[in-house]
Amino acid sequence: MPKRRSNTIANTTEGLIGGSGSNLSEGIIEDLVNAVNGRLDNIVTVQGLSRTRNRIEDINIVSLGNNRYEVSSTEGGTYIVDMNENSCECSQYVYRNECCRHLIAVREALGEVAEVDTINNVEATRRARDIRDEINRNIRGEEQDDNHFYTDNEADFDNDFAEINDDSIEYEYENVLNGNKSTFGVELEFVGGDANAIARELYDLGIVSFPRRLGYHSRSEPGKWKLERDGSVSDGDAGGEIVSPILKDTPETWEQIKVICDVAKRHGARVDQRCGGHVHINMEKLDTARQRWRRFFKTIEVYEDCIYRAAGGDLGRVRSNARHYA
């Protein structure tokens, strides 16, 4: 459930490339796409953290053509980054297989060149900074992933869950998504408890469409939640998945989610390492704006390894239905 607000590219797209209120022509949008696909024509300098020296340093990037770049810093040596392979010659990448600051620097520079040099104004600079911050957040998430799976470490899940289950964090109802008008939906999985009792109480409150747990992927009623069986968490009459209708960022939405969770807990529902919380986002915001699609695909690219491992590919086994849902 949402606890803190964050300001990301996803909720600052109004007036950007191809967004409503944008006065950029289709030709300029095409130029931007070409600029991102192209190369850096001059030396570009960005700042990056040196872990060895524990300080921020200037990193210089020179295009070698064919999407390859020479990356250097004053004291850190010179390395070749190949964006076709998303690889670097530095030891951190070669021997540890970790995303390095040289890769981060090139990705950051590509984001800046694509928007700042093509549309040279203050707004473009702000957008470039947003792109840079978004890329860095994605890379940090990649670096922090330690190949540790909660499904194989139930005790670790319980310990970590206990630490983050902090009642001192205030639950928010107003403007939780910072004014983002996109619709969305959620699926809340749980184990244990009496699923039918949960469904009955939610039905009495007018929240779900049926007073019992339904079968997996049962039909939905517009505007109503439903509680259905899910083979990964259901056992007898216990466990299930609570699926929302189309939602908007309104106080009523967040109040309803809180009520649903309170009812579920009251009837013994809980979460463990098998449970997931799924969020589905309306794709209307992407519309025909090419840069938004580009950001979307770049995000997928950054998390490609995580998606691969989430499907069990690195373990020599593929999760059931992985091909179907992919």
Protein backbone atom coordinates (compact mmCIF):
# COMPACT_ATOMS: atom_id res chain seq x y z
CA MET A 1 0.00 0.00 0.00
CA PRO A 2 1.24 3.52 -0.69
CA LYS A 3 3.03 5.10 2.24
CA ARG A 4 5.24 7.76 0.71
CA ARG A 5 4.95 10.01 -2.31
CA SER A 6 7.49 10.06 -5.10
CA ASN A 7 7.89 12.38 -8.05
CA THR A 8 8.89 10.47 -11.17
CA ILE A 9 8.72 10.81 -14.92
CA ALA A 10 5.47 8.87 -14.82
CA ASN A 11 3.61 11.71 -13.13
CA THR A 12 5.31 14.70 -14.80
CA THR A 13 4.57 13.94 -18.43
CA GLU A 14 1.95 16.62 -19.11
CA GLY A 15 3.37 19.09 -21.59
CA LEU A 16 6.37 16.96 -22.49
CA ILE A 17 7.12 15.40 -25.82
CA GLY A 18 3.88 14.35 -27.42
CA GLY A 19 1.95 15.06 -24.22
CA SER A 20 -1.20 17.12 -24.04
CA GLY A 21 -0.28 20.78 -24.22
CA SER A 22 2.98 20.08 -26.03
CA ASN A 23 3.72 22.34 -29.00
CA LEU A 24 6.43 20.08 -30.41
CA SER A 25 5.94 18.92 -33.97
CA GLU A 26 6.13 15.34 -35.17
CA GLY A 27 9.40 16.25 -36.90
CA ILE A 28 11.02 17.28 -33.62
CA ILE A 29 9.82 14.09 -31.97
CA GLU A 30 11.42 12.14 -34.82
CA ASP A 31 14.64 14.10 -34.34
CA LEU A 32 14.65 13.20 -30.65
CA VAL A 33 14.23 9.52 -31.37
CA ASN A 34 17.03 9.67 -33.93
CA ALA A 35 19.24 11.51 -31.45
CA VAL A 36 18.77 8.80 -28.85
CA ASN A 37 19.49 6.12 -31.43
CA GLY A 38 22.52 8.04 -32.71
CA ARG A 39 25.83 8.75 -31.05
CA LEU A 40 27.47 11.51 -29.04
CA ASP A 41 29.17 13.91 -31.46
CA ASN A 42 31.38 15.67 -28.90
CA ILE A 43 33.03 15.02 -25.57
CA VAL A 44 30.35 14.92 -22.89
CA THR A 45 31.15 15.21 -19.19
CA VAL A 46 28.89 13.86 -16.47
CA GLN A 47 29.46 13.35 -12.77
CA GLY A 48 29.69 9.95 -11.13
CA LEU A 49 30.56 8.44 -7.77
CA SER A 50 33.95 6.77 -7.34
CA ARG A 51 33.48 4.10 -4.69
CA THR A 52 37.24 3.57 -4.40
CA ARG A 53 37.96 7.23 -3.66
CA ASN A 54 34.52 7.88 -2.12
CA ARG A 55 33.90 11.12 -4.02
CA ILE A 56 32.08 12.56 -7.00
CA GLU A 57 34.27 12.84 -10.13
CA ASP A 58 33.92 14.12 -13.68
CA ILE A 59 33.58 11.33 -16.22
CA ASN A 60 34.39 12.13 -19.87
CA ILE A 61 32.65 10.27 -22.69
CA VAL A 62 33.73 10.20 -26.33
CA SER A 63 31.86 8.39 -29.09
CA LEU A 64 33.82 5.81 -31.08
CA GLY A 65 30.91 5.09 -33.41
CA ASN A 66 28.73 2.00 -33.69
CA ASN A 67 27.27 2.72 -30.23
CA ARG A 68 30.67 2.30 -28.53
CA TYR A 69 32.15 4.92 -26.19
CA GLU A 70 35.47 5.72 -24.56
CA VAL A 71 34.87 6.57 -20.91
CA SER A 72 37.57 8.10 -18.71
CA SER A 73 38.11 10.04 -15.50
CA THR A 74 41.11 11.92 -14.13
CA GLU A 75 42.34 9.11 -11.87
CA GLY A 76 40.14 6.18 -12.77
CA GLY A 77 41.58 5.01 -16.08
CA THR A 78 39.99 4.68 -19.51
CA TYR A 79 37.53 1.98 -20.57
CA ILE A 80 35.41 1.10 -23.59
CA VAL A 81 31.65 0.84 -23.09
CA ASP A 82 29.65 -1.06 -25.71
CA MET A 83 25.98 -0.09 -25.53
CA ASN A 84 25.08 -2.77 -28.07
CA GLU A 85 26.08 -5.35 -25.45
CA ASN A 86 25.53 -3.15 -22.38
CA SER A 87 29.07 -4.05 -21.34
CA CYS A 88 32.24 -2.38 -20.09
CA GLU A 89 35.92 -3.36 -19.99
CA CYS A 90 36.39 -2.36 -16.35
CA SER A 91 37.08 -5.02 -13.70
CA GLN A 92 33.82 -4.39 -11.85
CA TYR A 93 31.86 -5.47 -14.92
CA VAL A 94 34.27 -8.12 -16.28
CA TYR A 95 35.03 -9.99 -13.05
CA ARG A 96 32.06 -9.18 -10.82
CA ASN A 97 29.43 -8.90 -13.56
CA GLU A 98 28.13 -5.74 -11.85
CA CYS A 99 26.75 -2.63 -13.50
CA CYS A 100 29.55 -0.05 -13.28
CA ARG A 101 29.70 3.74 -13.12
CA HIS A 102 30.96 3.87 -16.72
CA LEU A 103 27.77 2.26 -18.04
CA ILE A 104 25.72 4.56 -15.84
CA ALA A 105 27.61 7.60 -17.14
CA VAL A 106 26.99 6.71 -20.80
CA ARG A 107 23.28 6.09 -20.19
CA GLU A 108 23.06 9.41 -18.38
CA ALA A 109 24.90 11.22 -21.18
CA LEU A 110 22.67 9.73 -23.85
CA GLY A 111 19.61 10.99 -21.98
CA GLU A 112 21.07 14.49 -21.71
CA VAL A 113 22.22 14.74 -25.32
CA ALA A 114 18.93 13.48 -26.70
CA GLU A 115 16.91 16.22 -25.04
CA VAL A 116 19.24 19.11 -24.15
CA ASP A 117 21.10 19.40 -27.44
CA THR A 118 18.02 18.89 -29.57
CA ILE A 119 15.73 21.29 -27.71
CA ASN A 120 18.05 23.81 -26.13
CA ASN A 121 15.94 25.44 -23.45
CA VAL A 122 15.30 25.32 -19.72
CA GLU A 123 12.44 22.85 -20.01
CA ALA A 124 14.65 20.41 -21.92
CA THR A 125 17.28 20.66 -19.19
CA ARG A 126 14.70 19.79 -16.56
CA ARG A 127 13.50 16.81 -18.59
CA ALA A 128 17.06 15.62 -19.04
CA ARG A 129 17.58 15.79 -15.29
CA ASP A 130 14.41 13.75 -14.78
CA ILE A 131 15.68 11.13 -17.22
CA ARG A 132 19.06 11.03 -15.50
CA ASP A 133 17.48 10.60 -12.06
CA GLU A 134 15.18 7.87 -13.35
CA ILE A 135 18.08 5.99 -14.94
CA ASN A 136 20.14 6.26 -11.75
CA ARG A 137 17.24 4.95 -9.66
CA ASN A 138 16.91 1.98 -11.98
CA ILE A 139 20.64 1.28 -11.91
CA ARG A 140 20.79 1.53 -8.11
CA GLY A 141 17.98 -1.00 -7.91
CA GLU A 142 19.96 -3.28 -10.20
CA GLU A 143 23.11 -2.92 -8.09
CA GLN A 144 21.27 -3.58 -4.83
CA ASP A 145 19.77 -6.84 -6.09
CA ASP A 146 21.89 -9.56 -4.48
CA ASN A 147 20.29 -12.59 -6.18
CA HIS A 148 18.46 -13.40 -2.93
CA PHE A 149 15.01 -14.98 -3.27
CA TYR A 150 12.48 -14.82 -0.44
CA THR A 151 10.82 -17.96 -1.78
CA ASP A 152 13.96 -19.86 -0.75
CA ASN A 153 14.44 -18.00 2.56
CA GLU A 154 11.21 -17.85 4.54
CA ALA A 155 12.93 -16.76 7.78
CA ASP A 156 14.61 -13.85 6.02
CA PHE A 157 11.25 -12.74 4.64
CA ASP A 158 9.67 -12.81 8.10
CA ASN A 159 12.53 -10.78 9.60
CA ASP A 160 12.52 -8.16 6.84
CA PHE A 161 8.74 -7.90 6.85
CA ALA A 162 8.73 -7.31 10.61
CA GLU A 163 11.21 -4.46 10.18
CA ILE A 164 9.21 -2.62 7.52
CA ASN A 165 5.82 -3.17 9.17
CA ASP A 166 6.08 0.18 10.92
CA ASP A 167 2.77 1.60 12.20
CA SER A 168 4.43 4.97 12.77
CA ILE A 169 4.32 5.61 9.00
CA GLU A 170 1.17 7.57 8.32
CA TYR A 171 -1.21 6.05 5.79
CA GLU A 172 -2.14 8.61 3.14
CA TYR A 173 -5.46 9.19 1.43
CA GLU A 174 -5.04 12.50 -0.43
CA ASN A 175 -3.08 12.90 -3.67
CA VAL A 176 -1.06 9.74 -3.06
CA LEU A 177 0.11 9.58 -6.69
CA ASN A 178 0.90 13.31 -6.89
CA GLY A 179 -2.02 14.14 -9.13
CA ASN A 180 -1.40 11.43 -11.71
CA LYS A 181 -4.68 10.89 -13.56
CA SER A 182 -3.85 7.41 -14.87
CA THR A 183 -6.15 4.60 -13.86
CA PHE A 184 -4.73 1.45 -12.30
CA GLY A 185 -5.68 -1.82 -10.66
CA VAL A 186 -4.23 -3.98 -7.89
CA GLU A 187 -4.22 -7.64 -6.87
CA LEU A 188 -3.57 -8.46 -3.20
CA GLU A 189 -2.51 -12.02 -2.41
CA PHE A 190 -2.76 -13.55 1.06
CA VAL A 191 -2.37 -16.90 2.79
CA GLY A 192 -4.29 -18.32 5.73
CA GLY A 193 -7.52 -16.95 7.12
CA ASP A 194 -11.07 -17.79 6.11
CA ALA A 195 -11.41 -16.61 2.52
CA ASN A 196 -15.18 -17.06 2.43
CA ALA A 197 -15.64 -15.11 5.67
CA ILE A 198 -13.55 -12.28 4.22
CA ALA A 199 -15.67 -12.31 1.06
CA ARG A 200 -18.92 -12.28 3.05
CA GLU A 201 -17.95 -9.25 5.13
CA LEU A 202 -16.68 -7.36 2.09
CA TYR A 203 -19.94 -8.24 0.30
CA ASP A 204 -21.97 -6.85 3.22
CA LEU A 205 -19.91 -3.65 2.94
CA GLY A 206 -20.77 -3.42 -0.77
CA ILE A 207 -17.16 -3.86 -1.88
CA VAL A 208 -17.07 -7.26 -3.60
CA SER A 209 -19.55 -8.66 -6.09
CA PHE A 210 -20.02 -12.12 -4.52
CA PRO A 211 -20.21 -13.25 -0.84
CA ARG A 212 -17.75 -16.11 -1.36
CA ARG A 213 -14.35 -16.86 -2.81
CA LEU A 214 -14.57 -17.36 -6.57
CA GLY A 215 -12.57 -19.53 -8.92
CA TYR A 216 -9.40 -18.28 -10.54
CA HIS A 217 -10.02 -15.56 -13.17
CA SER A 218 -13.77 -15.51 -12.56
CA ARG A 219 -15.85 -12.87 -14.32
CA SER A 220 -15.76 -9.37 -12.90
CA GLU A 221 -18.57 -6.93 -12.20
CA PRO A 222 -17.84 -3.29 -13.15
CA GLY A 223 -16.89 -1.18 -10.14
CA LYS A 224 -16.66 -4.17 -7.79
CA TRP A 225 -13.74 -6.02 -6.25
CA LYS A 226 -13.66 -9.82 -6.18
CA LEU A 227 -11.94 -12.43 -4.03
CA GLU A 228 -10.77 -15.43 -6.01
CA ARG A 229 -8.71 -18.55 -5.61
CA ASP A 230 -5.04 -18.54 -6.56
CA GLY A 231 -3.17 -21.82 -6.71
CA SER A 232 0.06 -20.28 -5.43
CA VAL A 233 -1.45 -19.14 -2.11
CA SER A 234 -4.79 -20.96 -1.63
CA ASP A 235 -5.10 -24.09 0.50
CA GLY A 236 -8.60 -25.40 1.13
CA ASP A 237 -10.76 -22.46 2.24
CA ALA A 238 -7.71 -20.42 3.20
CA GLY A 239 -5.76 -17.97 1.08
CA GLY A 240 -6.65 -16.16 -2.10
CA GLU A 241 -6.30 -13.04 -4.15
CA ILE A 242 -8.37 -9.86 -3.83
CA VAL A 243 -8.68 -8.22 -7.25
CA SER A 244 -9.71 -4.60 -7.72
CA PRO A 245 -11.82 -2.96 -10.41
CA ILE A 246 -10.37 0.02 -12.31
CA LEU A 247 -9.17 2.53 -9.71
CA LYS A 248 -8.22 6.21 -9.60
CA ASP A 249 -6.10 8.24 -7.17
CA THR A 250 -8.94 9.35 -4.91
CA PRO A 251 -9.38 9.30 -1.11
CA GLU A 252 -12.17 6.76 -1.62
CA THR A 253 -9.79 4.35 -3.36
CA TRP A 254 -7.19 4.39 -0.57
CA GLU A 255 -9.89 4.20 2.12
CA GLN A 256 -11.37 1.15 0.40
CA ILE A 257 -7.97 -0.56 0.15
CA LYS A 258 -7.39 0.03 3.87
CA VAL A 259 -10.82 -1.38 4.76
CA ILE A 260 -10.18 -4.48 2.63
CA CYS A 261 -6.84 -5.12 4.33
CA ASP A 262 -8.35 -4.60 7.79
CA VAL A 263 -11.17 -7.04 7.05
CA ALA A 264 -8.76 -9.63 5.66
CA LYS A 265 -6.48 -9.41 8.70
CA ARG A 266 -9.43 -9.62 11.06
CA HIS A 267 -10.31 -13.01 9.55
CA GLY A 268 -6.76 -14.33 9.83
CA ALA A 269 -5.28 -13.42 6.45
CA ARG A 270 -1.54 -12.82 6.39
CA VAL A 271 1.30 -12.59 3.89
CA ASP A 272 4.42 -14.69 3.54
CA GLN A 273 7.17 -15.18 0.98
CA ARG A 274 4.72 -16.70 -1.51
CA CYS A 275 2.52 -13.62 -1.71
CA GLY A 276 2.73 -10.81 -4.23
CA GLY A 277 1.09 -7.45 -4.72
CA HIS A 278 0.42 -6.76 -8.40
CA VAL A 279 -0.21 -3.32 -9.87
CA HIS A 280 -1.61 -2.85 -13.38
CA ILE A 281 -1.17 0.56 -15.02
CA ASN A 282 -3.32 2.05 -17.77
CA MET A 283 -1.22 2.44 -20.92
CA GLU A 284 -3.16 5.48 -22.16
CA LYS A 285 -0.40 7.82 -20.96
CA LEU A 286 1.95 6.30 -23.51
CA ASP A 287 -0.47 7.10 -26.41
CA THR A 288 1.56 7.96 -29.55
CA ALA A 289 4.38 9.88 -27.84
CA ARG A 290 7.51 8.15 -29.03
CA GLN A 291 9.72 9.36 -26.21
CA ARG A 292 7.34 7.90 -23.63
CA TRP A 293 7.47 4.55 -25.37
CA ARG A 294 11.24 4.87 -25.50
CA ARG A 295 11.40 5.45 -21.74
CA PHE A 296 9.11 2.49 -21.21
CA PHE A 297 11.32 0.18 -23.28
CA LYS A 298 14.46 1.54 -21.60
CA THR A 299 12.95 0.66 -18.22
CA ILE A 300 12.28 -2.88 -19.43
CA GLU A 301 15.87 -3.04 -20.71
CA VAL A 302 17.29 -1.96 -17.35
CA TYR A 303 15.31 -4.64 -15.51
CA GLU A 304 15.71 -7.34 -18.16
CA ASP A 305 18.00 -9.40 -15.94
CA CYS A 306 15.57 -9.10 -13.01
CA ILE A 307 12.68 -10.25 -15.22
CA TYR A 308 14.79 -13.16 -16.46
CA ARG A 309 15.62 -14.27 -12.93
CA ALA A 310 12.08 -13.68 -11.68
CA ALA A 311 11.02 -16.24 -14.29
CA GLY A 312 13.62 -18.66 -12.89
CA GLY A 313 15.76 -18.62 -16.02
CA ASP A 314 19.07 -18.41 -14.18
CA LEU A 315 18.17 -21.44 -12.05
CA GLY A 316 17.60 -23.68 -15.03
CA ARG A 317 13.87 -23.76 -14.43
CA VAL A 318 11.11 -21.55 -15.77
CA ARG A 319 8.16 -20.63 -13.60
CA SER A 320 4.86 -22.12 -14.64
CA ASN A 321 2.91 -19.98 -17.14
CA ALA A 322 5.98 -17.77 -17.70
CA ARG A 323 5.65 -18.05 -21.46
CA HIS A 324 1.91 -17.37 -21.29
CA TYR A 325 2.22 -14.17 -19.26
CA ALA A 326 5.36 -12.97 -21.05
